[in-house]
Amino acid sequence: MTIALSERTAHWSLDMLEFARQQEVADYLDPLLAATKRLFPDAMRLAVYLEADPEIEGDRHIALEVEIVFSGVEAYLDRNRRWIAELCHICPAPLTCVFRLLLMPVAHEPA
C-alpha cells in the first residue's frame, strides 16, 4: 500500500493540523487513519488531504481517499458502511461531517 500523506503518525501537515484544531477533530486524526488502514489493508493507495468544496465558499473537509480493487457493488457498499461505523465510533456525531471517505474502486490490480 502506498500512503501519500503528510503523516503525523509521523507528521500531519501544518495546514491539516490547524484545520483539525479549528474543527475540534485533531484528536481523531490518528485513530481514524489507523482504522482506515485496518479496514482497507488491501488498499493500493491511501491519501489524506484537505478538500475544498468548489461550490460552497469556505466549506472544507478532511478527505481520506482509498483506492481498492472493485469486487462488486455489495462489497463496495459494505466496506463503505464499515468505515462510516468506525468513524462514528471514533468521532462524536456532531463532528463526523468534517471527514469524507472517497472510496475509489479500480477495475483490477496493477501489473
PDB file of N, CA and C in Angstrom:
ATOM      1  N   MET A   1       0.848  -1.170   0.000  1.00  0.00           N
ATOM      2  CA  MET A   1       0.000   0.000   0.000  1.00  0.00           C
ATOM      3  C   MET A   1       0.891   1.229   0.000  1.00  0.00           C
ATOM      4  N   THR A   2       0.597   2.157  -0.884  1.00  0.00           N
ATOM      5  CA  THR A   2       1.298   3.428  -0.909  1.00  0.00           C
ATOM      6  C   THR A   2       0.500   4.420  -0.090  1.00  0.00           C
ATOM      7  N   ILE A   3       1.128   5.072   0.836  1.00  0.00           N
ATOM      8  CA  ILE A   3       0.439   6.064   1.648  1.00  0.00           C
ATOM      9  C   ILE A   3       0.995   7.425   1.271  1.00  0.00           C
ATOM     10  N   ALA A   4       0.171   8.188   0.558  1.00  0.00           N
ATOM     11  CA  ALA A   4       0.590   9.504   0.106  1.00  0.00           C
ATOM     12  C   ALA A   4      -0.024  10.538   1.028  1.00  0.00           C
ATOM     13  N   LEU A   5       0.625  10.828   2.106  1.00  0.00           N
ATOM     14  CA  LEU A   5       0.121  11.830   3.017  1.00  0.00           C
ATOM     15  C   LEU A   5       1.255  12.405   3.821  1.00  0.00           C
ATOM     16  N   SER A   6       0.983  13.570   4.369  1.00  0.00           N
ATOM     17  CA  SER A   6       1.938  14.172   5.286  1.00  0.00           C
ATOM     18  C   SER A   6       1.662  13.518   6.618  1.00  0.00           C
ATOM     19  N   GLU A   7       2.319  12.439   6.898  1.00  0.00           N
ATOM     20  CA  GLU A   7       1.971  11.638   8.064  1.00  0.00           C
ATOM     21  C   GLU A   7       2.302  12.342   9.368  1.00  0.00           C
ATOM     22  N   ARG A   8       1.363  12.281  10.284  1.00  0.00           N
ATOM     23  CA  ARG A   8       1.668  12.735  11.629  1.00  0.00           C
ATOM     24  C   ARG A   8       1.882  11.526  12.487  1.00  0.00           C
ATOM     25  N   THR A   9       1.246  10.499  12.048  1.00  0.00           N
ATOM     26  CA  THR A   9       1.607   9.310  12.742  1.00  0.00           C
ATOM     27  C   THR A   9       3.116   9.471  12.689  1.00  0.00           C
ATOM     28  N   ALA A  10       3.571  10.002  11.695  1.00  0.00           N
ATOM     29  CA  ALA A  10       4.876  10.612  11.643  1.00  0.00           C
ATOM     30  C   ALA A  10       4.631  12.108  11.780  1.00  0.00           C
ATOM     31  N   HIS A  11       4.012  12.782  10.832  1.00  0.00           N
ATOM     32  CA  HIS A  11       3.717  14.224  10.936  1.00  0.00           C
ATOM     33  C   HIS A  11       2.577  14.593   9.989  1.00  0.00           C
ATOM     34  N   TRP A  12       1.501  15.117  10.541  1.00  0.00           N
ATOM     35  CA  TRP A  12       0.437  15.684   9.713  1.00  0.00           C
ATOM     36  C   TRP A  12       0.923  17.042   9.236  1.00  0.00           C
ATOM     37  N   SER A  13       0.451  17.469   8.082  1.00  0.00           N
ATOM     38  CA  SER A  13       0.849  18.788   7.587  1.00  0.00           C
ATOM     39  C   SER A  13       0.305  19.858   8.542  1.00  0.00           C
ATOM     40  N   LEU A  14       0.984  20.982   8.566  1.00  0.00           N
ATOM     41  CA  LEU A  14       0.577  22.053   9.477  1.00  0.00           C
ATOM     42  C   LEU A  14      -0.813  22.582   9.146  1.00  0.00           C
ATOM     43  N   ASP A  15      -1.134  22.697   7.843  1.00  0.00           N
ATOM     44  CA  ASP A  15      -2.464  23.190   7.497  1.00  0.00           C
ATOM     45  C   ASP A  15      -3.551  22.191   7.882  1.00  0.00           C
ATOM     46  N   MET A  16      -3.248  20.893   7.784  1.00  0.00           N
ATOM     47  CA  MET A  16      -4.199  19.871   8.200  1.00  0.00           C
ATOM     48  C   MET A  16      -4.423  19.949   9.712  1.00  0.00           C
ATOM     49  N   LEU A  17      -3.332  20.060  10.466  1.00  0.00           N
ATOM     50  CA  LEU A  17      -3.459  20.153  11.926  1.00  0.00           C
ATOM     51  C   LEU A  17      -4.215  21.410  12.354  1.00  0.00           C
ATOM     52  N   GLU A  18      -3.925  22.516  11.714  1.00  0.00           N
ATOM     53  CA  GLU A  18      -4.612  23.761  12.051  1.00  0.00           C
ATOM     54  C   GLU A  18      -6.104  23.652  11.753  1.00  0.00           C
ATOM     55  N   PHE A  19      -6.442  23.119  10.599  1.00  0.00           N
ATOM     56  CA  PHE A  19      -7.850  22.927  10.252  1.00  0.00           C
ATOM     57  C   PHE A  19      -8.520  21.973  11.249  1.00  0.00           C
ATOM     58  N   ALA A  20      -7.854  20.878  11.568  1.00  0.00           N
ATOM     59  CA  ALA A  20      -8.406  19.904  12.511  1.00  0.00           C
ATOM     60  C   ALA A  20      -8.613  20.534  13.885  1.00  0.00           C
ATOM     61  N   ARG A  21      -7.679  21.366  14.315  1.00  0.00           N
ATOM     62  CA  ARG A  21      -7.837  22.056  15.606  1.00  0.00           C
ATOM     63  C   ARG A  21      -9.035  22.997  15.559  1.00  0.00           C
ATOM     64  N   GLN A  22      -9.154  23.753  14.473  1.00  0.00           N
ATOM     65  CA  GLN A  22     -10.283  24.680  14.330  1.00  0.00           C
ATOM     66  C   GLN A  22     -11.619  23.938  14.370  1.00  0.00           C
ATOM     67  N   GLN A  23     -11.652  22.762  13.792  1.00  0.00           N
ATOM     68  CA  GLN A  23     -12.882  21.970  13.723  1.00  0.00           C
ATOM     69  C   GLN A  23     -13.060  21.059  14.945  1.00  0.00           C
ATOM     70  N   GLU A  24     -12.096  21.093  15.853  1.00  0.00           N
ATOM     71  CA  GLU A  24     -12.106  20.292  17.080  1.00  0.00           C
ATOM     72  C   GLU A  24     -12.068  18.790  16.816  1.00  0.00           C
ATOM     73  N   VAL A  25     -11.313  18.388  15.777  1.00  0.00           N
ATOM     74  CA  VAL A  25     -11.192  16.957  15.450  1.00  0.00           C
ATOM     75  C   VAL A  25      -9.745  16.467  15.451  1.00  0.00           C
ATOM     76  N   ALA A  26      -8.812  17.280  15.932  1.00  0.00           N
ATOM     77  CA  ALA A  26      -7.393  16.893  15.899  1.00  0.00           C
ATOM     78  C   ALA A  26      -7.135  15.581  16.633  1.00  0.00           C
ATOM     79  N   ASP A  27      -7.849  15.339  17.718  1.00  0.00           N
ATOM     80  CA  ASP A  27      -7.640  14.106  18.485  1.00  0.00           C
ATOM     81  C   ASP A  27      -8.099  12.861  17.736  1.00  0.00           C
ATOM     82  N   TYR A  28      -8.859  13.036  16.672  1.00  0.00           N
ATOM     83  CA  TYR A  28      -9.405  11.888  15.944  1.00  0.00           C
ATOM     84  C   TYR A  28      -8.617  11.549  14.682  1.00  0.00           C
ATOM     85  N   LEU A  29      -7.636  12.371  14.326  1.00  0.00           N
ATOM     86  CA  LEU A  29      -6.866  12.139  13.097  1.00  0.00           C
ATOM     87  C   LEU A  29      -6.149  10.789  13.120  1.00  0.00           C
ATOM     88  N   ASP A  30      -5.333  10.576  14.128  1.00  0.00           N
ATOM     89  CA  ASP A  30      -4.562   9.329  14.192  1.00  0.00           C
ATOM     90  C   ASP A  30      -5.452   8.088  14.323  1.00  0.00           C
ATOM     91  N   PRO A  31      -6.456   8.106  15.234  1.00  0.00           N
ATOM     92  CA  PRO A  31      -7.309   6.915  15.330  1.00  0.00           C
ATOM     93  C   PRO A  31      -8.075   6.621  14.034  1.00  0.00           C
ATOM     94  N   LEU A  32      -8.538   7.658  13.342  1.00  0.00           N
ATOM     95  CA  LEU A  32      -9.281   7.421  12.108  1.00  0.00           C
ATOM     96  C   LEU A  32      -8.360   6.919  10.998  1.00  0.00           C
ATOM     97  N   LEU A  33      -7.156   7.444  10.927  1.00  0.00           N
ATOM     98  CA  LEU A  33      -6.205   6.949   9.941  1.00  0.00           C
ATOM     99  C   LEU A  33      -5.873   5.485  10.218  1.00  0.00           C
ATOM    100  N   ALA A  34      -5.651   5.149  11.481  1.00  0.00           N
ATOM    101  CA  ALA A  34      -5.353   3.755  11.844  1.00  0.00           C
ATOM    102  C   ALA A  34      -6.525   2.843  11.491  1.00  0.00           C
ATOM    103  N   ALA A  35      -7.739   3.283  11.768  1.00  0.00           N
ATOM    104  CA  ALA A  35      -8.918   2.484  11.444  1.00  0.00           C
ATOM    105  C   ALA A  35      -9.061   2.308   9.937  1.00  0.00           C
ATOM    106  N   THR A  36      -8.775   3.355   9.183  1.00  0.00           N
ATOM    107  CA  THR A  36      -8.868   3.271   7.725  1.00  0.00           C
ATOM    108  C   THR A  36      -7.855   2.272   7.189  1.00  0.00           C
ATOM    109  N   LYS A  37      -6.652   2.300   7.711  1.00  0.00           N
ATOM    110  CA  LYS A  37      -5.635   1.325   7.291  1.00  0.00           C
ATOM    111  C   LYS A  37      -6.055  -0.096   7.661  1.00  0.00           C
ATOM    112  N   ARG A  38      -6.671  -0.246   8.823  1.00  0.00           N
ATOM    113  CA  ARG A  38      -7.115  -1.569   9.266  1.00  0.00           C
ATOM    114  C   ARG A  38      -8.277  -2.084   8.407  1.00  0.00           C
ATOM    115  N   LEU A  39      -9.210  -1.201   8.049  1.00  0.00           N
ATOM    116  CA  LEU A  39     -10.371  -1.594   7.258  1.00  0.00           C
ATOM    117  C   LEU A  39     -10.045  -1.848   5.790  1.00  0.00           C
ATOM    118  N   PHE A  40      -8.979  -1.242   5.313  1.00  0.00           N
ATOM    119  CA  PHE A  40      -8.595  -1.376   3.906  1.00  0.00           C
ATOM    120  C   PHE A  40      -7.141  -1.842   3.783  1.00  0.00           C
ATOM    121  N   PRO A  41      -6.822  -3.022   4.324  1.00  0.00           N
ATOM    122  CA  PRO A  41      -5.432  -3.486   4.273  1.00  0.00           C
ATOM    123  C   PRO A  41      -4.967  -3.768   2.847  1.00  0.00           C
ATOM    124  N   ASP A  42      -5.908  -3.946   1.941  1.00  0.00           N
ATOM    125  CA  ASP A  42      -5.592  -4.236   0.546  1.00  0.00           C
ATOM    126  C   ASP A  42      -5.569  -2.979  -0.322  1.00  0.00           C
ATOM    127  N   ALA A  43      -5.653  -1.808   0.311  1.00  0.00           N
ATOM    128  CA  ALA A  43      -5.669  -0.561  -0.460  1.00  0.00           C
ATOM    129  C   ALA A  43      -4.413  -0.439  -1.311  1.00  0.00           C
ATOM    130  N   MET A  44      -4.622  -0.003  -2.523  1.00  0.00           N
ATOM    131  CA  MET A  44      -3.485   0.230  -3.408  1.00  0.00           C
ATOM    132  C   MET A  44      -2.898   1.617  -3.168  1.00  0.00           C
ATOM    133  N   ARG A  45      -3.725   2.515  -2.632  1.00  0.00           N
ATOM    134  CA  ARG A  45      -3.268   3.864  -2.332  1.00  0.00           C
ATOM    135  C   ARG A  45      -4.182   4.458  -1.275  1.00  0.00           C
ATOM    136  N   LEU A  46      -3.599   5.213  -0.373  1.00  0.00           N
ATOM    137  CA  LEU A  46      -4.346   5.945   0.646  1.00  0.00           C
ATOM    138  C   LEU A  46      -3.775   7.350   0.701  1.00  0.00           C
ATOM    139  N   ALA A  47      -4.614   8.330   0.460  1.00  0.00           N
ATOM    140  CA  ALA A  47      -4.189   9.727   0.516  1.00  0.00           C
ATOM    141  C   ALA A  47      -5.114  10.472   1.463  1.00  0.00           C
ATOM    142  N   VAL A  48      -4.544  11.351   2.260  1.00  0.00           N
ATOM    143  CA  VAL A  48      -5.323  12.182   3.177  1.00  0.00           C
ATOM    144  C   VAL A  48      -4.977  13.631   2.859  1.00  0.00           C
ATOM    145  N   TYR A  49      -6.026  14.433   2.630  1.00  0.00           N
ATOM    146  CA  TYR A  49      -5.789  15.827   2.265  1.00  0.00           C
ATOM    147  C   TYR A  49      -6.996  16.680   2.620  1.00  0.00           C
ATOM    148  N   LEU A  50      -6.779  17.987   2.634  1.00  0.00           N
ATOM    149  CA  LEU A  50      -7.881  18.922   2.824  1.00  0.00           C
ATOM    150  C   LEU A  50      -8.547  19.133   1.476  1.00  0.00           C
ATOM    151  N   GLU A  51      -9.865  19.059   1.485  1.00  0.00           N
ATOM    152  CA  GLU A  51     -10.615  19.216   0.247  1.00  0.00           C
ATOM    153  C   GLU A  51     -11.578  20.390   0.419  1.00  0.00           C
ATOM    154  N   ALA A  52     -11.535  21.308  -0.539  1.00  0.00           N
ATOM    155  CA  ALA A  52     -12.435  22.451  -0.525  1.00  0.00           C
ATOM    156  C   ALA A  52     -13.580  22.200  -1.491  1.00  0.00           C
ATOM    157  N   ASP A  53     -14.786  22.499  -1.045  1.00  0.00           N
ATOM    158  CA  ASP A  53     -15.950  22.374  -1.914  1.00  0.00           C
ATOM    159  C   ASP A  53     -15.902  23.526  -2.920  1.00  0.00           C
ATOM    160  N   PRO A  54     -15.872  23.229  -4.219  1.00  0.00           N
ATOM    161  CA  PRO A  54     -15.770  24.307  -5.204  1.00  0.00           C
ATOM    162  C   PRO A  54     -17.038  25.155  -5.305  1.00  0.00           C
ATOM    163  N   GLU A  55     -18.142  24.661  -4.774  1.00  0.00           N
ATOM    164  CA  GLU A  55     -19.404  25.384  -4.902  1.00  0.00           C
ATOM    165  C   GLU A  55     -19.819  26.132  -3.641  1.00  0.00           C
ATOM    166  N   ILE A  56     -19.205  25.778  -2.507  1.00  0.00           N
ATOM    167  CA  ILE A  56     -19.583  26.421  -1.246  1.00  0.00           C
ATOM    168  C   ILE A  56     -18.338  27.066  -0.648  1.00  0.00           C
ATOM    169  N   GLU A  57     -18.297  28.363  -0.678  1.00  0.00           N
ATOM    170  CA  GLU A  57     -17.128  29.093  -0.189  1.00  0.00           C
ATOM    171  C   GLU A  57     -16.855  28.776   1.277  1.00  0.00           C
ATOM    172  N   GLY A  58     -15.608  28.451   1.573  1.00  0.00           N
ATOM    173  CA  GLY A  58     -15.184  28.176   2.939  1.00  0.00           C
ATOM    174  C   GLY A  58     -15.539  26.789   3.456  1.00  0.00           C
ATOM    175  N   ASP A  59     -16.170  25.954   2.636  1.00  0.00           N
ATOM    176  CA  ASP A  59     -16.540  24.608   3.069  1.00  0.00           C
ATOM    177  C   ASP A  59     -15.391  23.656   2.749  1.00  0.00           C
ATOM    178  N   ARG A  60     -14.719  23.185   3.805  1.00  0.00           N
ATOM    179  CA  ARG A  60     -13.587  22.265   3.632  1.00  0.00           C
ATOM    180  C   ARG A  60     -13.795  21.039   4.494  1.00  0.00           C
ATOM    181  N   HIS A  61     -13.147  19.954   4.074  1.00  0.00           N
ATOM    182  CA  HIS A  61     -13.249  18.682   4.769  1.00  0.00           C
ATOM    183  C   HIS A  61     -11.904  17.978   4.733  1.00  0.00           C
ATOM    184  N   ILE A  62     -11.735  17.032   5.633  1.00  0.00           N
ATOM    185  CA  ILE A  62     -10.572  16.152   5.600  1.00  0.00           C
ATOM    186  C   ILE A  62     -10.988  14.929   4.803  1.00  0.00           C
ATOM    187  N   ALA A  63     -10.351  14.753   3.656  1.00  0.00           N
ATOM    188  CA  ALA A  63     -10.695  13.647   2.764  1.00  0.00           C
ATOM    189  C   ALA A  63      -9.696  12.511   2.949  1.00  0.00           C
ATOM    190  N   LEU A  64     -10.232  11.311   3.059  1.00  0.00           N
ATOM    191  CA  LEU A  64      -9.415  10.103   3.069  1.00  0.00           C
ATOM    192  C   LEU A  64      -9.770   9.361   1.787  1.00  0.00           C
ATOM    193  N   GLU A  65      -8.859   9.370   0.846  1.00  0.00           N
ATOM    194  CA  GLU A  65      -9.085   8.754  -0.460  1.00  0.00           C
ATOM    195  C   GLU A  65      -8.385   7.402  -0.501  1.00  0.00           C
ATOM    196  N   VAL A  66      -9.168   6.354  -0.747  1.00  0.00           N
ATOM    197  CA  VAL A  66      -8.651   4.993  -0.706  1.00  0.00           C
ATOM    198  C   VAL A  66      -8.955   4.301  -2.032  1.00  0.00           C
ATOM    199  N   GLU A  67      -7.918   3.827  -2.697  1.00  0.00           N
ATOM    200  CA  GLU A  67      -8.101   3.046  -3.920  1.00  0.00           C
ATOM    201  C   GLU A  67      -8.122   1.566  -3.572  1.00  0.00           C
ATOM    202  N   ILE A  68      -9.188   0.893  -4.016  1.00  0.00           N
ATOM    203  CA  ILE A  68      -9.325  -0.552  -3.789  1.00  0.00           C
ATOM    204  C   ILE A  68      -9.719  -1.219  -5.095  1.00  0.00           C
ATOM    205  N   VAL A  69      -9.441  -2.494  -5.199  1.00  0.00           N
ATOM    206  CA  VAL A  69      -9.881  -3.274  -6.350  1.00  0.00           C
ATOM    207  C   VAL A  69     -11.389  -3.465  -6.223  1.00  0.00           C
ATOM    208  N   PHE A  70     -12.121  -3.154  -7.271  1.00  0.00           N
ATOM    209  CA  PHE A  70     -13.574  -3.300  -7.259  1.00  0.00           C
ATOM    210  C   PHE A  70     -13.932  -4.777  -7.290  1.00  0.00           C
ATOM    211  N   SER A  71     -14.713  -5.191  -6.285  1.00  0.00           N
ATOM    212  CA  SER A  71     -15.102  -6.601  -6.212  1.00  0.00           C
ATOM    213  C   SER A  71     -16.622  -6.741  -6.131  1.00  0.00           C
ATOM    214  N   GLY A  72     -17.324  -5.776  -6.663  1.00  0.00           N
ATOM    215  CA  GLY A  72     -18.775  -5.828  -6.692  1.00  0.00           C
ATOM    216  C   GLY A  72     -19.410  -4.737  -5.860  1.00  0.00           C
ATOM    217  N   VAL A  73     -20.642  -4.421  -6.215  1.00  0.00           N
ATOM    218  CA  VAL A  73     -21.353  -3.329  -5.565  1.00  0.00           C
ATOM    219  C   VAL A  73     -21.593  -3.617  -4.086  1.00  0.00           C
ATOM    220  N   GLU A  74     -22.032  -4.817  -3.755  1.00  0.00           N
ATOM    221  CA  GLU A  74     -22.320  -5.146  -2.358  1.00  0.00           C
ATOM    222  C   GLU A  74     -21.069  -5.026  -1.485  1.00  0.00           C
ATOM    223  N   ALA A  75     -19.947  -5.523  -1.980  1.00  0.00           N
ATOM    224  CA  ALA A  75     -18.694  -5.431  -1.218  1.00  0.00           C
ATOM    225  C   ALA A  75     -18.286  -3.966  -1.047  1.00  0.00           C
ATOM    226  N   TYR A  76     -18.457  -3.186  -2.107  1.00  0.00           N
ATOM    227  CA  TYR A  76     -18.127  -1.761  -2.057  1.00  0.00           C
ATOM    228  C   TYR A  76     -18.979  -1.062  -0.991  1.00  0.00           C
ATOM    229  N   LEU A  77     -20.288  -1.293  -1.031  1.00  0.00           N
ATOM    230  CA  LEU A  77     -21.189  -0.662  -0.072  1.00  0.00           C
ATOM    231  C   LEU A  77     -20.912  -1.127   1.353  1.00  0.00           C
ATOM    232  N   ASP A  78     -20.610  -2.405   1.522  1.00  0.00           N
ATOM    233  CA  ASP A  78     -20.300  -2.940   2.843  1.00  0.00           C
ATOM    234  C   ASP A  78     -19.051  -2.278   3.417  1.00  0.00           C
ATOM    235  N   ARG A  79     -18.040  -2.133   2.610  1.00  0.00           N
ATOM    236  CA  ARG A  79     -16.797  -1.516   3.096  1.00  0.00           C
ATOM    237  C   ARG A  79     -17.029  -0.055   3.453  1.00  0.00           C
ATOM    238  N   ASN A  80     -17.832   0.612   2.665  1.00  0.00           N
ATOM    239  CA  ASN A  80     -18.162   2.000   2.942  1.00  0.00           C
ATOM    240  C   ASN A  80     -18.937   2.107   4.259  1.00  0.00           C
ATOM    241  N   ARG A  81     -19.907   1.223   4.476  1.00  0.00           N
ATOM    242  CA  ARG A  81     -20.686   1.220   5.724  1.00  0.00           C
ATOM    243  C   ARG A  81     -19.801   0.935   6.938  1.00  0.00           C
ATOM    244  N   ARG A  82     -18.865   0.013   6.792  1.00  0.00           N
ATOM    245  CA  ARG A  82     -17.975  -0.307   7.918  1.00  0.00           C
ATOM    246  C   ARG A  82     -17.109   0.887   8.285  1.00  0.00           C
ATOM    247  N   TRP A  83     -16.646   1.641   7.270  1.00  0.00           N
ATOM    248  CA  TRP A  83     -15.836   2.831   7.551  1.00  0.00           C
ATOM    249  C   TRP A  83     -16.672   3.874   8.283  1.00  0.00           C
ATOM    250  N   ILE A  84     -17.902   4.076   7.842  1.00  0.00           N
ATOM    251  CA  ILE A  84     -18.776   5.054   8.491  1.00  0.00           C
ATOM    252  C   ILE A  84     -19.040   4.641   9.944  1.00  0.00           C
ATOM    253  N   ALA A  85     -19.276   3.365  10.171  1.00  0.00           N
ATOM    254  CA  ALA A  85     -19.488   2.887  11.539  1.00  0.00           C
ATOM    255  C   ALA A  85     -18.255   3.146  12.398  1.00  0.00           C
ATOM    256  N   GLU A  86     -17.083   2.909  11.839  1.00  0.00           N
ATOM    257  CA  GLU A  86     -15.839   3.151  12.580  1.00  0.00           C
ATOM    258  C   GLU A  86     -15.661   4.640  12.853  1.00  0.00           C
ATOM    259  N   LEU A  87     -15.948   5.477  11.862  1.00  0.00           N
ATOM    260  CA  LEU A  87     -15.891   6.928  12.049  1.00  0.00           C
ATOM    261  C   LEU A  87     -16.793   7.349  13.201  1.00  0.00           C
ATOM    262  N   CYS A  88     -18.017   6.834  13.223  1.00  0.00           N
ATOM    263  CA  CYS A  88     -18.972   7.187  14.278  1.00  0.00           C
ATOM    264  C   CYS A  88     -18.549   6.651  15.641  1.00  0.00           C
ATOM    265  N   HIS A  89     -17.800   5.571  15.667  1.00  0.00           N
ATOM    266  CA  HIS A  89     -17.273   5.019  16.918  1.00  0.00           C
ATOM    267  C   HIS A  89     -16.123   5.883  17.451  1.00  0.00           C
ATOM    268  N   ILE A  90     -15.328   6.424  16.542  1.00  0.00           N
ATOM    269  CA  ILE A  90     -14.138   7.196  16.923  1.00  0.00           C
ATOM    270  C   ILE A  90     -14.469   8.653  17.227  1.00  0.00           C
ATOM    271  N   CYS A  91     -15.312   9.238  16.426  1.00  0.00           N
ATOM    272  CA  CYS A  91     -15.547  10.682  16.449  1.00  0.00           C
ATOM    273  C   CYS A  91     -16.988  10.977  16.864  1.00  0.00           C
ATOM    274  N   PRO A  92     -17.221  11.946  17.747  1.00  0.00           N
ATOM    275  CA  PRO A  92     -18.587  12.280  18.135  1.00  0.00           C
ATOM    276  C   PRO A  92     -19.421  12.731  16.932  1.00  0.00           C
ATOM    277  N   ALA A  93     -20.690  12.366  16.939  1.00  0.00           N
ATOM    278  CA  ALA A  93     -21.589  12.609  15.806  1.00  0.00           C
ATOM    279  C   ALA A  93     -21.572  14.043  15.259  1.00  0.00           C
ATOM    280  N   PRO A  94     -21.582  15.062  16.100  1.00  0.00           N
ATOM    281  CA  PRO A  94     -21.618  16.407  15.514  1.00  0.00           C
ATOM    282  C   PRO A  94     -20.361  16.766  14.709  1.00  0.00           C
ATOM    283  N   LEU A  95     -19.290  15.995  14.895  1.00  0.00           N
ATOM    284  CA  LEU A  95     -18.024  16.328  14.230  1.00  0.00           C
ATOM    285  C   LEU A  95     -17.705  15.425  13.048  1.00  0.00           C
ATOM    286  N   THR A  96     -18.469  14.369  12.849  1.00  0.00           N
ATOM    287  CA  THR A  96     -18.149  13.425  11.767  1.00  0.00           C
ATOM    288  C   THR A  96     -18.227  14.068  10.389  1.00  0.00           C
ATOM    289  N   CYS A  97     -19.013  15.142  10.260  1.00  0.00           N
ATOM    290  CA  CYS A  97     -19.173  15.784   8.949  1.00  0.00           C
ATOM    291  C   CYS A  97     -17.885  16.429   8.451  1.00  0.00           C
ATOM    292  N   VAL A  98     -16.878  16.544   9.298  1.00  0.00           N
ATOM    293  CA  VAL A  98     -15.589  17.113   8.881  1.00  0.00           C
ATOM    294  C   VAL A  98     -14.844  16.132   7.973  1.00  0.00           C
ATOM    295  N   PHE A  99     -15.126  14.846   8.105  1.00  0.00           N
ATOM    296  CA  PHE A  99     -14.387  13.811   7.387  1.00  0.00           C
ATOM    297  C   PHE A  99     -15.176  13.290   6.193  1.00  0.00           C
ATOM    298  N   ARG A 100     -14.448  12.936   5.151  1.00  0.00           N
ATOM    299  CA  ARG A 100     -15.034  12.343   3.951  1.00  0.00           C
ATOM    300  C   ARG A 100     -14.204  11.133   3.539  1.00  0.00           C
ATOM    301  N   LEU A 101     -14.889  10.043   3.222  1.00  0.00           N
ATOM    302  CA  LEU A 101     -14.221   8.882   2.628  1.00  0.00           C
ATOM    303  C   LEU A 101     -14.487   8.929   1.133  1.00  0.00           C
ATOM    304  N   LEU A 102     -13.424   8.867   0.367  1.00  0.00           N
ATOM    305  CA  LEU A 102     -13.532   8.773  -1.081  1.00  0.00           C
ATOM    306  C   LEU A 102     -12.993   7.402  -1.449  1.00  0.00           C
ATOM    307  N   LEU A 103     -13.899   6.461  -1.561  1.00  0.00           N
ATOM    308  CA  LEU A 103     -13.537   5.081  -1.865  1.00  0.00           C
ATOM    309  C   LEU A 103     -13.500   4.946  -3.385  1.00  0.00           C
ATOM    310  N   MET A 104     -12.303   4.781  -3.920  1.00  0.00           N
ATOM    311  CA  MET A 104     -12.071   4.795  -5.361  1.00  0.00           C
ATOM    312  C   MET A 104     -11.862   3.384  -5.867  1.00  0.00           C
ATOM    313  N   PRO A 105     -12.888   2.766  -6.455  1.00  0.00           N
ATOM    314  CA  PRO A 105     -12.725   1.405  -6.983  1.00  0.00           C
ATOM    315  C   PRO A 105     -11.977   1.434  -8.306  1.00  0.00           C
ATOM    316  N   VAL A 106     -11.065   0.497  -8.473  1.00  0.00           N
ATOM    317  CA  VAL A 106     -10.375   0.337  -9.746  1.00  0.00           C
ATOM    318  C   VAL A 106     -10.713  -1.049 -10.277  1.00  0.00           C
ATOM    319  N   ALA A 107     -10.646  -1.189 -11.583  1.00  0.00           N
ATOM    320  CA  ALA A 107     -11.096  -2.413 -12.235  1.00  0.00           C
ATOM    321  C   ALA A 107     -10.260  -3.623 -11.848  1.00  0.00           C
ATOM    322  N   HIS A 108      -8.977  -3.450 -11.641  1.00  0.00           N
ATOM    323  CA  HIS A 108      -8.103  -4.579 -11.327  1.00  0.00           C
ATOM    324  C   HIS A 108      -6.823  -4.067 -10.702  1.00  0.00           C
ATOM    325  N   GLU A 109      -6.088  -4.978 -10.114  1.00  0.00           N
ATOM    326  CA  GLU A 109      -4.802  -4.615  -9.532  1.00  0.00           C
ATOM    327  C   GLU A 109      -3.810  -4.316 -10.640  1.00  0.00           C
ATOM    328  N   PRO A 110      -2.954  -3.318 -10.443  1.00  0.00           N
ATOM    329  CA  PRO A 110      -1.941  -3.035 -11.466  1.00  0.00           C
ATOM    330  C   PRO A 110      -0.949  -4.204 -11.581  1.00  0.00           C
ATOM    331  N   ALA A 111      -0.411  -4.351 -12.777  1.00  0.00           N
ATOM    332  CA  ALA A 111       0.536  -5.447 -13.030  1.00  0.00           C
ATOM    333  C   ALA A 111       1.875  -5.172 -12.409  1.00  0.00           C
TER     334      ALA A 111
END
